[in-house]
Amino acid sequence: MRGSLFLNKTYSRSELKGLMEAILFVNGKSVLLSELCDIFEMSKNEIISLIDEINADYNDRKAGMNIISVAGGFQMVSNPHFKDEMEELFGRRNQNQLSRSALETLAIVAYKQPISKEDVDKIRGVSSTRSINMLLGYKLITISGSTDDVLKSPVYSTTKRFLELFRLENLDDLPSLETINLNEFSMDDEDEDNEIEDENGQNELELSLGGEE
């Protein structure tokens, strides 16, 4: 952490809000609440109050941005009120290619973590090697340890990027498993870890993980 921003300057409330906006805008991703406390030399409640004021200003004038709580911090994103307009102008953004197999695997890891590939395979009934490699490549899951048995197989957990893309504050915000319908997001695989090819011969299906930012 660099030296204090407050050594040689005193900020008005308006300037503090502007500084917060600038930091979140430049960073792009979620900034941890603890980091913001260090930067602003404020308590957690004071930071939350400052962000609430900014969002209130945004709401009053229907601004194009707002600040959301995600992954243990805060992130500046585009206002979902203008989602349709943004998609019309720029197309769908922040999409990753995920097959139904990968989506199923990600859901299992999210709700059962930490979990080994062998246990994922038992739940799915098929090999999950390709799906796990894809999710590791997208940094949605990570190796977080190993099993206690003789094999010492790696176990997997979700990452901060997973929380950011699904806009979750923490894993407690995961929706009830019974409410998830994978058919809303992808097509059925034809066989073990294979996806229906599109006209370009590619095996992945587009899935919007995070929506507009």
C-alpha atoms as a PDB file:
ATOM      1  CA  MET A   1       0.000   0.000   0.000  1.00  0.00           C
ATOM      2  CA  ARG A   2       1.349   3.392  -0.975  1.00  0.00           C
ATOM      3  CA  GLY A   3       1.512   6.265   1.502  1.00  0.00           C
ATOM      4  CA  SER A   4      -1.651   7.826   2.802  1.00  0.00           C
ATOM      5  CA  LEU A   5      -3.685   9.963   0.406  1.00  0.00           C
ATOM      6  CA  PHE A   6      -4.536  12.218   3.323  1.00  0.00           C
ATOM      7  CA  LEU A   7      -1.065  13.349   4.381  1.00  0.00           C
ATOM      8  CA  ASN A   8      -1.021  16.526   2.293  1.00  0.00           C
ATOM      9  CA  LYS A   9      -4.661  16.949   1.301  1.00  0.00           C
ATOM     10  CA  THR A  10      -8.078  17.191   2.892  1.00  0.00           C
ATOM     11  CA  TYR A  11     -10.991  15.888   0.827  1.00  0.00           C
ATOM     12  CA  SER A  12     -14.562  17.180   0.905  1.00  0.00           C
ATOM     13  CA  ARG A  13     -17.399  14.643   0.996  1.00  0.00           C
ATOM     14  CA  SER A  14     -18.032  15.267  -2.687  1.00  0.00           C
ATOM     15  CA  GLU A  15     -14.363  14.667  -3.501  1.00  0.00           C
ATOM     16  CA  LEU A  16     -14.355  11.457  -1.473  1.00  0.00           C
ATOM     17  CA  LYS A  17     -17.257  10.168  -3.544  1.00  0.00           C
ATOM     18  CA  GLY A  18     -15.467  11.157  -6.726  1.00  0.00           C
ATOM     19  CA  LEU A  19     -12.312   9.425  -5.551  1.00  0.00           C
ATOM     20  CA  MET A  20     -14.271   6.259  -4.816  1.00  0.00           C
ATOM     21  CA  GLU A  21     -15.777   6.335  -8.302  1.00  0.00           C
ATOM     22  CA  ALA A  22     -12.363   6.832  -9.897  1.00  0.00           C
ATOM     23  CA  ILE A  23     -10.801   3.941  -7.973  1.00  0.00           C
ATOM     24  CA  LEU A  24     -13.585   1.500  -8.822  1.00  0.00           C
ATOM     25  CA  PHE A  25     -13.714   2.635 -12.449  1.00  0.00           C
ATOM     26  CA  VAL A  26      -9.953   2.296 -13.030  1.00  0.00           C
ATOM     27  CA  ASN A  27      -9.710  -1.031 -11.211  1.00  0.00           C
ATOM     28  CA  GLY A  28     -12.568  -2.503 -13.219  1.00  0.00           C
ATOM     29  CA  LYS A  29     -13.036  -5.535 -10.986  1.00  0.00           C
ATOM     30  CA  SER A  30     -14.223  -5.861  -7.418  1.00  0.00           C
ATOM     31  CA  VAL A  31     -12.103  -4.049  -4.809  1.00  0.00           C
ATOM     32  CA  LEU A  32     -12.136  -5.676  -1.377  1.00  0.00           C
ATOM     33  CA  LEU A  33     -13.876  -3.737   1.368  1.00  0.00           C
ATOM     34  CA  SER A  34     -10.770  -4.098   3.536  1.00  0.00           C
ATOM     35  CA  GLU A  35      -8.646  -2.486   0.791  1.00  0.00           C
ATOM     36  CA  LEU A  36     -11.054   0.431   0.508  1.00  0.00           C
ATOM     37  CA  CYS A  37     -10.892   0.884   4.275  1.00  0.00           C
ATOM     38  CA  ASP A  38      -7.101   1.122   4.035  1.00  0.00           C
ATOM     39  CA  ILE A  39      -7.175   3.526   1.087  1.00  0.00           C
ATOM     40  CA  PHE A  40      -9.734   5.882   2.630  1.00  0.00           C
ATOM     41  CA  GLU A  41      -8.679   5.327   6.238  1.00  0.00           C
ATOM     42  CA  MET A  42     -12.311   4.686   7.102  1.00  0.00           C
ATOM     43  CA  SER A  43     -14.231   1.966   8.915  1.00  0.00           C
ATOM     44  CA  LYS A  44     -16.282  -0.593   6.993  1.00  0.00           C
ATOM     45  CA  ASN A  45     -19.503   1.164   7.951  1.00  0.00           C
ATOM     46  CA  GLU A  46     -18.134   4.498   6.746  1.00  0.00           C
ATOM     47  CA  ILE A  47     -17.159   3.002   3.380  1.00  0.00           C
ATOM     48  CA  ILE A  48     -20.576   1.387   2.966  1.00  0.00           C
ATOM     49  CA  SER A  49     -22.256   4.697   3.847  1.00  0.00           C
ATOM     50  CA  LEU A  50     -20.141   6.525   1.249  1.00  0.00           C
ATOM     51  CA  ILE A  51     -21.058   4.007  -1.450  1.00  0.00           C
ATOM     52  CA  ASP A  52     -24.731   4.177  -0.466  1.00  0.00           C
ATOM     53  CA  GLU A  53     -24.599   7.941  -1.009  1.00  0.00           C
ATOM     54  CA  ILE A  54     -23.034   7.483  -4.450  1.00  0.00           C
ATOM     55  CA  ASN A  55     -25.674   4.957  -5.463  1.00  0.00           C
ATOM     56  CA  ALA A  56     -28.413   7.270  -4.188  1.00  0.00           C
ATOM     57  CA  ASP A  57     -27.010  10.017  -6.426  1.00  0.00           C
ATOM     58  CA  TYR A  58     -26.975   7.585  -9.351  1.00  0.00           C
ATOM     59  CA  ASN A  59     -30.569   6.521  -8.724  1.00  0.00           C
ATOM     60  CA  ASP A  60     -31.797  10.118  -8.484  1.00  0.00           C
ATOM     61  CA  ARG A  61     -30.498  10.992 -11.940  1.00  0.00           C
ATOM     62  CA  LYS A  62     -30.843   7.516 -13.500  1.00  0.00           C
ATOM     63  CA  ALA A  63     -27.110   7.357 -14.116  1.00  0.00           C
ATOM     64  CA  GLY A  64     -25.539   4.828 -16.436  1.00  0.00           C
ATOM     65  CA  MET A  65     -23.470   3.264 -13.640  1.00  0.00           C
ATOM     66  CA  ASN A  66     -23.982   1.842 -10.199  1.00  0.00           C
ATOM     67  CA  ILE A  67     -21.847   0.156  -7.562  1.00  0.00           C
ATOM     68  CA  ILE A  68     -22.631  -3.374  -6.447  1.00  0.00           C
ATOM     69  CA  SER A  69     -21.413  -5.512  -3.555  1.00  0.00           C
ATOM     70  CA  VAL A  70     -19.634  -8.580  -4.931  1.00  0.00           C
ATOM     71  CA  ALA A  71     -16.909 -11.035  -3.913  1.00  0.00           C
ATOM     72  CA  GLY A  72     -16.289  -9.375  -0.552  1.00  0.00           C
ATOM     73  CA  GLY A  73     -15.908  -5.916  -2.045  1.00  0.00           C
ATOM     74  CA  PHE A  74     -17.440  -3.405  -4.433  1.00  0.00           C
ATOM     75  CA  GLN A  75     -17.462  -3.097  -8.209  1.00  0.00           C
ATOM     76  CA  MET A  76     -18.671  -0.426 -10.622  1.00  0.00           C
ATOM     77  CA  VAL A  77     -20.944  -1.818 -13.326  1.00  0.00           C
ATOM     78  CA  SER A  78     -23.337  -0.493 -15.918  1.00  0.00           C
ATOM     79  CA  ASN A  79     -26.895   0.206 -14.810  1.00  0.00           C
ATOM     80  CA  PRO A  80     -29.038  -2.882 -15.602  1.00  0.00           C
ATOM     81  CA  HIS A  81     -31.846  -0.449 -16.473  1.00  0.00           C
ATOM     82  CA  PHE A  82     -30.022   0.105 -19.774  1.00  0.00           C
ATOM     83  CA  LYS A  83     -29.146  -3.551 -20.395  1.00  0.00           C
ATOM     84  CA  ASP A  84     -31.285  -3.879 -23.532  1.00  0.00           C
ATOM     85  CA  GLU A  85     -29.844  -0.705 -25.038  1.00  0.00           C
ATOM     86  CA  MET A  86     -26.282  -1.822 -24.326  1.00  0.00           C
ATOM     87  CA  GLU A  87     -26.881  -5.194 -25.948  1.00  0.00           C
ATOM     88  CA  GLU A  88     -28.427  -3.516 -28.985  1.00  0.00           C
ATOM     89  CA  LEU A  89     -25.486  -1.137 -29.375  1.00  0.00           C
ATOM     90  CA  PHE A  90     -22.561  -3.356 -28.427  1.00  0.00           C
ATOM     91  CA  GLY A  91     -23.862  -6.920 -28.415  1.00  0.00           C
ATOM     92  CA  ARG A  92     -23.715  -9.270 -25.475  1.00  0.00           C
ATOM     93  CA  ARG A  93     -20.550  -8.736 -23.461  1.00  0.00           C
ATOM     94  CA  ASN A  94     -18.529 -10.731 -20.945  1.00  0.00           C
ATOM     95  CA  GLN A  95     -19.523 -14.109 -22.290  1.00  0.00           C
ATOM     96  CA  ASN A  96     -17.566 -17.287 -21.883  1.00  0.00           C
ATOM     97  CA  GLN A  97     -17.967 -20.496 -23.811  1.00  0.00           C
ATOM     98  CA  LEU A  98     -19.340 -23.178 -21.490  1.00  0.00           C
ATOM     99  CA  SER A  99     -20.877 -26.488 -22.431  1.00  0.00           C
ATOM    100  CA  ARG A 100     -23.690 -28.006 -20.423  1.00  0.00           C
ATOM    101  CA  SER A 101     -21.125 -30.471 -19.079  1.00  0.00           C
ATOM    102  CA  ALA A 102     -18.931 -27.640 -17.803  1.00  0.00           C
ATOM    103  CA  LEU A 103     -21.940 -25.848 -16.333  1.00  0.00           C
ATOM    104  CA  GLU A 104     -23.032 -29.001 -14.499  1.00  0.00           C
ATOM    105  CA  THR A 105     -19.495 -29.503 -13.208  1.00  0.00           C
ATOM    106  CA  LEU A 106     -19.260 -25.894 -12.051  1.00  0.00           C
ATOM    107  CA  ALA A 107     -22.556 -26.221 -10.182  1.00  0.00           C
ATOM    108  CA  ILE A 108     -21.356 -29.382  -8.433  1.00  0.00           C
ATOM    109  CA  VAL A 109     -18.075 -27.754  -7.387  1.00  0.00           C
ATOM    110  CA  ALA A 110     -19.899 -24.618  -6.198  1.00  0.00           C
ATOM    111  CA  TYR A 111     -22.308 -26.517  -3.959  1.00  0.00           C
ATOM    112  CA  LYS A 112     -20.048 -29.387  -2.827  1.00  0.00           C
ATOM    113  CA  GLN A 113     -16.640 -27.676  -2.554  1.00  0.00           C
ATOM    114  CA  PRO A 114     -13.993 -28.670  -1.851  1.00  0.00           C
ATOM    115  CA  ILE A 115     -14.539 -31.736  -4.043  1.00  0.00           C
ATOM    116  CA  SER A 116     -12.342 -34.099  -6.022  1.00  0.00           C
ATOM    117  CA  LYS A 117     -12.751 -34.960  -9.692  1.00  0.00           C
ATOM    118  CA  GLU A 118     -13.587 -38.546  -8.704  1.00  0.00           C
ATOM    119  CA  ASP A 119     -16.520 -37.353  -6.598  1.00  0.00           C
ATOM    120  CA  VAL A 120     -17.678 -35.001  -9.360  1.00  0.00           C
ATOM    121  CA  ASP A 121     -17.583 -37.958 -11.779  1.00  0.00           C
ATOM    122  CA  LYS A 122     -19.668 -40.073  -9.381  1.00  0.00           C
ATOM    123  CA  ILE A 123     -22.339 -37.380  -9.165  1.00  0.00           C
ATOM    124  CA  ARG A 124     -22.440 -36.765 -12.934  1.00  0.00           C
ATOM    125  CA  GLY A 125     -22.023 -40.410 -13.922  1.00  0.00           C
ATOM    126  CA  VAL A 126     -19.437 -39.504 -16.589  1.00  0.00           C
ATOM    127  CA  SER A 127     -15.867 -38.235 -16.793  1.00  0.00           C
ATOM    128  CA  SER A 128     -15.459 -34.544 -16.031  1.00  0.00           C
ATOM    129  CA  THR A 129     -11.837 -34.154 -17.125  1.00  0.00           C
ATOM    130  CA  ARG A 130     -12.552 -31.836 -20.043  1.00  0.00           C
ATOM    131  CA  SER A 131     -15.010 -29.724 -18.070  1.00  0.00           C
ATOM    132  CA  ILE A 132     -12.655 -29.294 -15.117  1.00  0.00           C
ATOM    133  CA  ASN A 133      -9.816 -28.279 -17.431  1.00  0.00           C
ATOM    134  CA  MET A 134     -12.097 -25.723 -19.087  1.00  0.00           C
ATOM    135  CA  LEU A 135     -13.191 -24.270 -15.751  1.00  0.00           C
ATOM    136  CA  LEU A 136      -9.573 -24.088 -14.568  1.00  0.00           C
ATOM    137  CA  GLY A 137      -8.697 -22.271 -17.780  1.00  0.00           C
ATOM    138  CA  TYR A 138     -11.413 -19.694 -17.163  1.00  0.00           C
ATOM    139  CA  LYS A 139     -10.219 -19.379 -13.538  1.00  0.00           C
ATOM    140  CA  LEU A 140     -13.710 -20.184 -12.276  1.00  0.00           C
ATOM    141  CA  ILE A 141     -12.343 -23.012 -10.117  1.00  0.00           C
ATOM    142  CA  THR A 142      -8.947 -23.692  -8.576  1.00  0.00           C
ATOM    143  CA  ILE A 143      -7.107 -26.535  -6.855  1.00  0.00           C
ATOM    144  CA  SER A 144      -7.604 -25.801  -3.168  1.00  0.00           C
ATOM    145  CA  GLY A 145      -6.048 -28.863  -1.565  1.00  0.00           C
ATOM    146  CA  SER A 146      -5.987 -32.638  -1.789  1.00  0.00           C
ATOM    147  CA  THR A 147      -7.912 -35.606  -0.456  1.00  0.00           C
ATOM    148  CA  ASP A 148      -6.852 -37.334   2.747  1.00  0.00           C
ATOM    149  CA  ASP A 149      -6.568 -40.773   1.153  1.00  0.00           C
ATOM    150  CA  VAL A 150      -3.493 -42.525  -0.230  1.00  0.00           C
ATOM    151  CA  LEU A 151      -4.014 -41.101  -3.735  1.00  0.00           C
ATOM    152  CA  LYS A 152      -3.937 -37.492  -2.521  1.00  0.00           C
ATOM    153  CA  SER A 153      -6.176 -36.406  -5.399  1.00  0.00           C
ATOM    154  CA  PRO A 154      -6.585 -32.647  -5.902  1.00  0.00           C
ATOM    155  CA  VAL A 155      -9.805 -31.057  -4.708  1.00  0.00           C
ATOM    156  CA  TYR A 156     -11.423 -28.072  -6.364  1.00  0.00           C
ATOM    157  CA  SER A 157     -13.168 -24.936  -5.130  1.00  0.00           C
ATOM    158  CA  THR A 158     -14.621 -21.878  -6.827  1.00  0.00           C
ATOM    159  CA  THR A 159     -12.648 -18.636  -7.117  1.00  0.00           C
ATOM    160  CA  LYS A 160     -13.180 -14.932  -6.601  1.00  0.00           C
ATOM    161  CA  ARG A 161     -13.705 -14.681 -10.365  1.00  0.00           C
ATOM    162  CA  PHE A 162     -16.652 -17.074  -9.994  1.00  0.00           C
ATOM    163  CA  LEU A 163     -18.215 -14.730  -7.442  1.00  0.00           C
ATOM    164  CA  GLU A 164     -17.537 -11.683  -9.639  1.00  0.00           C
ATOM    165  CA  LEU A 165     -19.026 -13.188 -12.781  1.00  0.00           C
ATOM    166  CA  PHE A 166     -22.143 -14.410 -11.020  1.00  0.00           C
ATOM    167  CA  ARG A 167     -22.260 -11.209  -8.927  1.00  0.00           C
ATOM    168  CA  LEU A 168     -22.355 -12.951  -5.582  1.00  0.00           C
ATOM    169  CA  GLU A 169     -21.163 -11.361  -2.360  1.00  0.00           C
ATOM    170  CA  ASN A 170     -20.144 -14.789  -1.052  1.00  0.00           C
ATOM    171  CA  LEU A 171     -21.092 -18.452  -1.402  1.00  0.00           C
ATOM    172  CA  ASP A 172     -23.971 -17.984   1.032  1.00  0.00           C
ATOM    173  CA  ASP A 173     -25.684 -16.036  -1.761  1.00  0.00           C
ATOM    174  CA  LEU A 174     -25.860 -19.085  -4.033  1.00  0.00           C
ATOM    175  CA  PRO A 175     -29.494 -19.764  -4.953  1.00  0.00           C
ATOM    176  CA  SER A 176     -31.209 -22.893  -3.763  1.00  0.00           C
ATOM    177  CA  LEU A 177     -30.043 -25.861  -5.827  1.00  0.00           C
ATOM    178  CA  GLU A 178     -33.643 -26.838  -6.522  1.00  0.00           C
ATOM    179  CA  THR A 179     -34.264 -23.525  -8.316  1.00  0.00           C
ATOM    180  CA  ILE A 180     -31.469 -23.959 -10.880  1.00  0.00           C
ATOM    181  CA  ASN A 181     -32.558 -25.092 -14.341  1.00  0.00           C
ATOM    182  CA  LEU A 182     -29.553 -25.826 -16.534  1.00  0.00           C
ATOM    183  CA  ASN A 183     -31.809 -26.062 -19.589  1.00  0.00           C
ATOM    184  CA  GLU A 184     -32.204 -22.291 -19.441  1.00  0.00           C
ATOM    185  CA  PHE A 185     -28.515 -21.836 -20.201  1.00  0.00           C
ATOM    186  CA  SER A 186     -27.370 -24.617 -22.504  1.00  0.00           C
ATOM    187  CA  MET A 187     -28.348 -27.533 -24.696  1.00  0.00           C
ATOM    188  CA  ASP A 188     -28.072 -31.194 -23.712  1.00  0.00           C
ATOM    189  CA  ASP A 189     -24.813 -32.942 -24.509  1.00  0.00           C
ATOM    190  CA  GLU A 190     -25.102 -35.830 -26.916  1.00  0.00           C
ATOM    191  CA  ASP A 191     -22.755 -38.070 -24.943  1.00  0.00           C
ATOM    192  CA  GLU A 192     -20.040 -38.066 -22.291  1.00  0.00           C
ATOM    193  CA  ASP A 193     -18.591 -34.593 -22.012  1.00  0.00           C
ATOM    194  CA  ASN A 194     -19.276 -33.865 -25.697  1.00  0.00           C
ATOM    195  CA  GLU A 195     -21.253 -30.848 -26.843  1.00  0.00           C
ATOM    196  CA  ILE A 196     -23.375 -30.372 -29.931  1.00  0.00           C
ATOM    197  CA  GLU A 197     -21.244 -28.750 -32.575  1.00  0.00           C
ATOM    198  CA  ASP A 198     -22.340 -25.460 -34.060  1.00  0.00           C
ATOM    199  CA  GLU A 199     -22.049 -24.566 -37.726  1.00  0.00           C
ATOM    200  CA  ASN A 200     -18.409 -23.556 -37.209  1.00  0.00           C
ATOM    201  CA  GLY A 201     -17.545 -26.933 -35.742  1.00  0.00           C
ATOM    202  CA  GLN A 202     -16.987 -25.568 -32.255  1.00  0.00           C
ATOM    203  CA  ASN A 203     -18.172 -27.542 -29.253  1.00  0.00           C
ATOM    204  CA  GLU A 204     -18.952 -24.776 -26.773  1.00  0.00           C
ATOM    205  CA  LEU A 205     -22.176 -22.903 -26.200  1.00  0.00           C
ATOM    206  CA  GLU A 206     -22.274 -19.239 -25.267  1.00  0.00           C
ATOM    207  CA  LEU A 207     -23.289 -18.614 -21.691  1.00  0.00           C
ATOM    208  CA  SER A 208     -23.514 -15.150 -20.180  1.00  0.00           C
ATOM    209  CA  LEU A 209     -21.916 -15.556 -16.763  1.00  0.00           C
ATOM    210  CA  GLY A 210     -21.948 -12.032 -15.522  1.00  0.00           C
ATOM    211  CA  GLY A 211     -24.226  -9.877 -17.632  1.00  0.00           C
ATOM    212  CA  GLU A 212     -23.315  -6.343 -18.603  1.00  0.00           C
ATOM    213  CA  GLU A 213     -20.602  -4.538 -16.746  1.00  0.00           C
END
